[in-house]
């Protein structure tokens, strides 16, 4: 996924990194296996120029649906 660039809140762009999202999920108490499942579901929704806000919104939706 190196070709996916994320637009951060401060306007900077950076490559999408799975480990950053997985660490964020870990900080809110999502286990490793569950985080992997969430990331798998997120993968198909990513696109170049996606905002961090949109990524977090999608993560929240995925987690809520799974409850």
PDB file of N, CA and C in Angstrom:
ATOM      1  N   UNK A   1       0.813  -1.203   0.000  1.00  0.00           N
ATOM      2  CA  UNK A   1       0.000   0.000   0.000  1.00  0.00           C
ATOM      3  C   UNK A   1       0.853   1.262   0.000  1.00  0.00           C
ATOM      4  N   UNK A   2       2.048   1.178  -0.492  1.00  0.00           N
ATOM      5  CA  UNK A   2       2.933   2.330  -0.503  1.00  0.00           C
ATOM      6  C   UNK A   2       2.404   3.449  -1.406  1.00  0.00           C
ATOM      7  N   UNK A   3       1.528   3.121  -2.354  1.00  0.00           N
ATOM      8  CA  UNK A   3       1.026   4.132  -3.269  1.00  0.00           C
ATOM      9  C   UNK A   3      -0.142   4.927  -2.702  1.00  0.00           C
ATOM     10  N   UNK A   4      -0.638   4.555  -1.535  1.00  0.00           N
ATOM     11  CA  UNK A   4      -1.730   5.291  -0.893  1.00  0.00           C
ATOM     12  C   UNK A   4      -1.122   6.405  -0.035  1.00  0.00           C
ATOM     13  N   UNK A   5      -1.468   7.637  -0.372  1.00  0.00           N
ATOM     14  CA  UNK A   5      -1.005   8.778   0.405  1.00  0.00           C
ATOM     15  C   UNK A   5      -2.165   9.278   1.266  1.00  0.00           C
ATOM     16  N   UNK A   6      -1.853   9.578   2.514  1.00  0.00           N
ATOM     17  CA  UNK A   6      -2.844  10.048   3.484  1.00  0.00           C
ATOM     18  C   UNK A   6      -2.677  11.550   3.668  1.00  0.00           C
ATOM     19  N   UNK A   7      -3.787  12.258   3.666  1.00  0.00           N
ATOM     20  CA  UNK A   7      -3.780  13.691   3.917  1.00  0.00           C
ATOM     21  C   UNK A   7      -4.042  13.913   5.401  1.00  0.00           C
ATOM     22  N   UNK A   8      -3.031  14.426   6.090  1.00  0.00           N
ATOM     23  CA  UNK A   8      -3.148  14.651   7.524  1.00  0.00           C
ATOM     24  C   UNK A   8      -3.910  15.947   7.807  1.00  0.00           C
ATOM     25  N   UNK A   9      -4.346  16.106   9.037  1.00  0.00           N
ATOM     26  CA  UNK A   9      -5.128  17.282   9.438  1.00  0.00           C
ATOM     27  C   UNK A   9      -4.371  18.593   9.217  1.00  0.00           C
ATOM     28  N   UNK A  10      -3.035  18.539   9.323  1.00  0.00           N
ATOM     29  CA  UNK A  10      -2.242  19.756   9.143  1.00  0.00           C
ATOM     30  C   UNK A  10      -1.931  20.044   7.673  1.00  0.00           C
ATOM     31  N   UNK A  11      -2.481  19.237   6.759  1.00  0.00           N
ATOM     32  CA  UNK A  11      -2.289  19.460   5.331  1.00  0.00           C
ATOM     33  C   UNK A  11      -1.144  18.672   4.719  1.00  0.00           C
ATOM     34  N   UNK A  12      -0.315  18.068   5.536  1.00  0.00           N
ATOM     35  CA  UNK A  12       0.796  17.264   5.024  1.00  0.00           C
ATOM     36  C   UNK A  12       0.269  15.953   4.456  1.00  0.00           C
ATOM     37  N   UNK A  13       1.026  15.402   3.530  1.00  0.00           N
ATOM     38  CA  UNK A  13       0.717  14.087   2.973  1.00  0.00           C
ATOM     39  C   UNK A  13       1.825  13.130   3.378  1.00  0.00           C
ATOM     40  N   UNK A  14       1.441  11.908   3.693  1.00  0.00           N
ATOM     41  CA  UNK A  14       2.432  10.888   4.025  1.00  0.00           C
ATOM     42  C   UNK A  14       1.895   9.535   3.568  1.00  0.00           C
ATOM     43  N   UNK A  15       2.799   8.588   3.323  1.00  0.00           N
ATOM     44  CA  UNK A  15       2.358   7.258   2.903  1.00  0.00           C
ATOM     45  C   UNK A  15       1.538   6.581   3.995  1.00  0.00           C
ATOM     46  N   UNK A  16       0.517   5.829   3.579  1.00  0.00           N
ATOM     47  CA  UNK A  16      -0.276   5.061   4.530  1.00  0.00           C
ATOM     48  C   UNK A  16       0.612   3.986   5.136  1.00  0.00           C
ATOM     49  N   UNK A  17       0.541   3.843   6.458  1.00  0.00           N
ATOM     50  CA  UNK A  17       1.330   2.815   7.149  1.00  0.00           C
ATOM     51  C   UNK A  17       0.410   2.015   8.058  1.00  0.00           C
ATOM     52  N   UNK A  18       0.347   0.709   7.771  1.00  0.00           N
ATOM     53  CA  UNK A  18      -0.493  -0.191   8.551  1.00  0.00           C
ATOM     54  C   UNK A  18      -0.145  -0.153  10.027  1.00  0.00           C
ATOM     55  N   UNK A  19       1.156  -0.091  10.346  1.00  0.00           N
ATOM     56  CA  UNK A  19       1.569  -0.148  11.750  1.00  0.00           C
ATOM     57  C   UNK A  19       1.051   1.055  12.545  1.00  0.00           C
ATOM     58  N   UNK A  20       0.909   2.210  11.924  1.00  0.00           N
ATOM     59  CA  UNK A  20       0.375   3.375  12.641  1.00  0.00           C
ATOM     60  C   UNK A  20      -1.084   3.144  13.025  1.00  0.00           C
ATOM     61  N   UNK A  21      -1.849   2.579  12.102  1.00  0.00           N
ATOM     62  CA  UNK A  21      -3.263   2.322  12.381  1.00  0.00           C
ATOM     63  C   UNK A  21      -3.387   1.215  13.428  1.00  0.00           C
ATOM     64  N   UNK A  22      -2.570   0.177  13.300  1.00  0.00           N
ATOM     65  CA  UNK A  22      -2.619  -0.921  14.265  1.00  0.00           C
ATOM     66  C   UNK A  22      -2.235  -0.429  15.665  1.00  0.00           C
ATOM     67  N   UNK A  23      -1.262   0.455  15.758  1.00  0.00           N
ATOM     68  CA  UNK A  23      -0.888   1.027  17.058  1.00  0.00           C
ATOM     69  C   UNK A  23      -2.018   1.862  17.639  1.00  0.00           C
ATOM     70  N   UNK A  24      -2.709   2.612  16.793  1.00  0.00           N
ATOM     71  CA  UNK A  24      -3.845   3.418  17.268  1.00  0.00           C
ATOM     72  C   UNK A  24      -4.946   2.513  17.808  1.00  0.00           C
ATOM     73  N   UNK A  25      -5.206   1.417  17.115  1.00  0.00           N
ATOM     74  CA  UNK A  25      -6.216   0.464  17.591  1.00  0.00           C
ATOM     75  C   UNK A  25      -5.798  -0.149  18.922  1.00  0.00           C
ATOM     76  N   UNK A  26      -4.529  -0.450  19.047  1.00  0.00           N
ATOM     77  CA  UNK A  26      -4.006  -1.019  20.292  1.00  0.00           C
ATOM     78  C   UNK A  26      -4.188  -0.044  21.459  1.00  0.00           C
ATOM     79  N   UNK A  27      -3.965   1.247  21.195  1.00  0.00           N
ATOM     80  CA  UNK A  27      -4.099   2.262  22.258  1.00  0.00           C
ATOM     81  C   UNK A  27      -5.522   2.356  22.798  1.00  0.00           C
ATOM     82  N   UNK A  28      -6.505   1.980  21.984  1.00  0.00           N
ATOM     83  CA  UNK A  28      -7.893   2.035  22.456  1.00  0.00           C
ATOM     84  C   UNK A  28      -8.397   0.668  22.905  1.00  0.00           C
ATOM     85  N   UNK A  29      -7.474  -0.296  23.042  1.00  0.00           N
ATOM     86  CA  UNK A  29      -7.821  -1.580  23.635  1.00  0.00           C
ATOM     87  C   UNK A  29      -8.238  -2.671  22.670  1.00  0.00           C
ATOM     88  N   UNK A  30      -7.975  -2.498  21.388  1.00  0.00           N
ATOM     89  CA  UNK A  30      -8.304  -3.522  20.398  1.00  0.00           C
ATOM     90  C   UNK A  30      -7.154  -4.527  20.347  1.00  0.00           C
ATOM     91  N   UNK A  31      -7.478  -5.808  20.505  1.00  0.00           N
ATOM     92  CA  UNK A  31      -6.450  -6.852  20.518  1.00  0.00           C
ATOM     93  C   UNK A  31      -5.813  -7.014  19.141  1.00  0.00           C
ATOM     94  N   UNK A  32      -4.663  -7.660  19.097  1.00  0.00           N
ATOM     95  CA  UNK A  32      -3.929  -7.862  17.859  1.00  0.00           C
ATOM     96  C   UNK A  32      -4.725  -8.579  16.793  1.00  0.00           C
ATOM     97  N   UNK A  33      -5.398  -9.664  17.154  1.00  0.00           N
ATOM     98  CA  UNK A  33      -6.184 -10.429  16.181  1.00  0.00           C
ATOM     99  C   UNK A  33      -7.354  -9.599  15.664  1.00  0.00           C
ATOM    100  N   UNK A  34      -8.042  -8.929  16.554  1.00  0.00           N
ATOM    101  CA  UNK A  34      -9.170  -8.091  16.148  1.00  0.00           C
ATOM    102  C   UNK A  34      -8.688  -6.928  15.286  1.00  0.00           C
ATOM    103  N   UNK A  35      -7.552  -6.348  15.651  1.00  0.00           N
ATOM    104  CA  UNK A  35      -6.985  -5.252  14.857  1.00  0.00           C
ATOM    105  C   UNK A  35      -6.678  -5.715  13.447  1.00  0.00           C
ATOM    106  N   UNK A  36      -6.146  -6.909  13.305  1.00  0.00           N
ATOM    107  CA  UNK A  36      -5.855  -7.452  11.976  1.00  0.00           C
ATOM    108  C   UNK A  36      -7.144  -7.605  11.159  1.00  0.00           C
ATOM    109  N   UNK A  37      -8.216  -8.050  11.799  1.00  0.00           N
ATOM    110  CA  UNK A  37      -9.499  -8.196  11.112  1.00  0.00           C
ATOM    111  C   UNK A  37     -10.049  -6.837  10.678  1.00  0.00           C
ATOM    112  N   UNK A  38      -9.919  -5.851  11.556  1.00  0.00           N
ATOM    113  CA  UNK A  38     -10.386  -4.496  11.239  1.00  0.00           C
ATOM    114  C   UNK A  38      -9.582  -3.941  10.066  1.00  0.00           C
ATOM    115  N   UNK A  39      -8.271  -4.124  10.100  1.00  0.00           N
ATOM    116  CA  UNK A  39      -7.417  -3.635   9.015  1.00  0.00           C
ATOM    117  C   UNK A  39      -7.753  -4.324   7.693  1.00  0.00           C
ATOM    118  N   UNK A  40      -8.061  -5.604   7.752  1.00  0.00           N
ATOM    119  CA  UNK A  40      -8.447  -6.329   6.545  1.00  0.00           C
ATOM    120  C   UNK A  40      -9.693  -5.707   5.927  1.00  0.00           C
ATOM    121  N   UNK A  41     -10.655  -5.369   6.763  1.00  0.00           N
ATOM    122  CA  UNK A  41     -11.901  -4.758   6.274  1.00  0.00           C
ATOM    123  C   UNK A  41     -11.672  -3.332   5.766  1.00  0.00           C
ATOM    124  N   UNK A  42     -10.734  -2.628   6.387  1.00  0.00           N
ATOM    125  CA  UNK A  42     -10.424  -1.254   5.985  1.00  0.00           C
ATOM    126  C   UNK A  42      -9.756  -1.212   4.615  1.00  0.00           C
ATOM    127  N   UNK A  43      -8.948  -2.202   4.323  1.00  0.00           N
ATOM    128  CA  UNK A  43      -8.107  -2.215   3.117  1.00  0.00           C
ATOM    129  C   UNK A  43      -8.872  -1.848   1.845  1.00  0.00           C
ATOM    130  N   UNK A  44     -10.030  -2.405   1.644  1.00  0.00           N
ATOM    131  CA  UNK A  44     -10.773  -2.184   0.395  1.00  0.00           C
ATOM    132  C   UNK A  44     -11.332  -0.766   0.275  1.00  0.00           C
ATOM    133  N   UNK A  45     -11.353  -0.022   1.377  1.00  0.00           N
ATOM    134  CA  UNK A  45     -11.932   1.325   1.357  1.00  0.00           C
ATOM    135  C   UNK A  45     -10.888   2.431   1.213  1.00  0.00           C
ATOM    136  N   UNK A  46      -9.620   2.071   1.230  1.00  0.00           N
ATOM    137  CA  UNK A  46      -8.562   3.078   1.159  1.00  0.00           C
ATOM    138  C   UNK A  46      -8.387   3.591  -0.267  1.00  0.00           C
ATOM    139  N   UNK A  47      -8.018   4.859  -0.390  1.00  0.00           N
ATOM    140  CA  UNK A  47      -7.742   5.460  -1.692  1.00  0.00           C
ATOM    141  C   UNK A  47      -6.724   6.574  -1.498  1.00  0.00           C
ATOM    142  N   UNK A  48      -6.037   6.906  -2.563  1.00  0.00           N
ATOM    143  CA  UNK A  48      -5.018   7.942  -2.513  1.00  0.00           C
ATOM    144  C   UNK A  48      -5.654   9.277  -2.153  1.00  0.00           C
ATOM    145  N   UNK A  49      -5.084   9.960  -1.180  1.00  0.00           N
ATOM    146  CA  UNK A  49      -5.585  11.258  -0.749  1.00  0.00           C
ATOM    147  C   UNK A  49      -6.615  11.182   0.367  1.00  0.00           C
ATOM    148  N   UNK A  50      -6.870   9.987   0.890  1.00  0.00           N
ATOM    149  CA  UNK A  50      -7.818   9.838   1.993  1.00  0.00           C
ATOM    150  C   UNK A  50      -7.313  10.624   3.205  1.00  0.00           C
ATOM    151  N   UNK A  51      -8.225  11.203   3.942  1.00  0.00           N
ATOM    152  CA  UNK A  51      -7.825  11.971   5.127  1.00  0.00           C
ATOM    153  C   UNK A  51      -7.737  11.054   6.351  1.00  0.00           C
ATOM    154  N   UNK A  52      -6.950  11.469   7.317  1.00  0.00           N
ATOM    155  CA  UNK A  52      -6.872  10.700   8.556  1.00  0.00           C
ATOM    156  C   UNK A  52      -8.236  10.682   9.233  1.00  0.00           C
ATOM    157  N   UNK A  53      -8.969  11.784   9.129  1.00  0.00           N
ATOM    158  CA  UNK A  53     -10.306  11.849   9.722  1.00  0.00           C
ATOM    159  C   UNK A  53     -11.217  10.781   9.119  1.00  0.00           C
ATOM    160  N   UNK A  54     -11.151  10.601   7.815  1.00  0.00           N
ATOM    161  CA  UNK A  54     -11.968   9.596   7.139  1.00  0.00           C
ATOM    162  C   UNK A  54     -11.540   8.188   7.556  1.00  0.00           C
ATOM    163  N   UNK A  55     -10.247   7.960   7.698  1.00  0.00           N
ATOM    164  CA  UNK A  55      -9.754   6.651   8.133  1.00  0.00           C
ATOM    165  C   UNK A  55     -10.296   6.330   9.520  1.00  0.00           C
ATOM    166  N   UNK A  56     -10.198   7.272  10.432  1.00  0.00           N
ATOM    167  CA  UNK A  56     -10.693   7.024  11.793  1.00  0.00           C
ATOM    168  C   UNK A  56     -12.206   6.828  11.805  1.00  0.00           C
ATOM    169  N   UNK A  57     -12.929   7.549  10.972  1.00  0.00           N
ATOM    170  CA  UNK A  57     -14.383   7.370  10.891  1.00  0.00           C
ATOM    171  C   UNK A  57     -14.713   5.964  10.411  1.00  0.00           C
ATOM    172  N   UNK A  58     -13.999   5.492   9.396  1.00  0.00           N
ATOM    173  CA  UNK A  58     -14.237   4.143   8.881  1.00  0.00           C
ATOM    174  C   UNK A  58     -13.873   3.095   9.923  1.00  0.00           C
ATOM    175  N   UNK A  59     -12.767   3.306  10.632  1.00  0.00           N
ATOM    176  CA  UNK A  59     -12.374   2.365  11.688  1.00  0.00           C
ATOM    177  C   UNK A  59     -13.459   2.271  12.749  1.00  0.00           C
ATOM    178  N   UNK A  60     -13.976   3.414  13.167  1.00  0.00           N
ATOM    179  CA  UNK A  60     -15.032   3.441  14.172  1.00  0.00           C
ATOM    180  C   UNK A  60     -16.251   2.652  13.690  1.00  0.00           C
ATOM    181  N   UNK A  61     -16.621   2.859  12.431  1.00  0.00           N
ATOM    182  CA  UNK A  61     -17.779   2.155  11.876  1.00  0.00           C
ATOM    183  C   UNK A  61     -17.539   0.644  11.842  1.00  0.00           C
ATOM    184  N   UNK A  62     -16.349   0.237  11.431  1.00  0.00           N
ATOM    185  CA  UNK A  62     -16.020  -1.189  11.373  1.00  0.00           C
ATOM    186  C   UNK A  62     -16.086  -1.802  12.765  1.00  0.00           C
ATOM    187  N   UNK A  63     -15.537  -1.103  13.747  1.00  0.00           N
ATOM    188  CA  UNK A  63     -15.527  -1.620  15.120  1.00  0.00           C
ATOM    189  C   UNK A  63     -16.948  -1.702  15.674  1.00  0.00           C
ATOM    190  N   UNK A  64     -17.755  -0.672  15.430  1.00  0.00           N
ATOM    191  CA  UNK A  64     -19.128  -0.655  15.919  1.00  0.00           C
ATOM    192  C   UNK A  64     -19.972  -1.763  15.294  1.00  0.00           C
ATOM    193  N   UNK A  65     -19.790  -2.022  14.018  1.00  0.00           N
ATOM    194  CA  UNK A  65     -20.540  -3.082  13.341  1.00  0.00           C
ATOM    195  C   UNK A  65     -20.179  -4.436  13.928  1.00  0.00           C
ATOM    196  N   UNK A  66     -18.932  -4.599  14.319  1.00  0.00           N
ATOM    197  CA  UNK A  66     -18.461  -5.873  14.849  1.00  0.00           C
ATOM    198  C   UNK A  66     -18.914  -6.173  16.265  1.00  0.00           C
ATOM    199  N   UNK A  67     -19.487  -5.202  16.947  1.00  0.00           N
ATOM    200  CA  UNK A  67     -19.905  -5.415  18.341  1.00  0.00           C
ATOM    201  C   UNK A  67     -21.230  -6.103  18.426  1.00  0.00           C
TER     202      UNK A  67
END
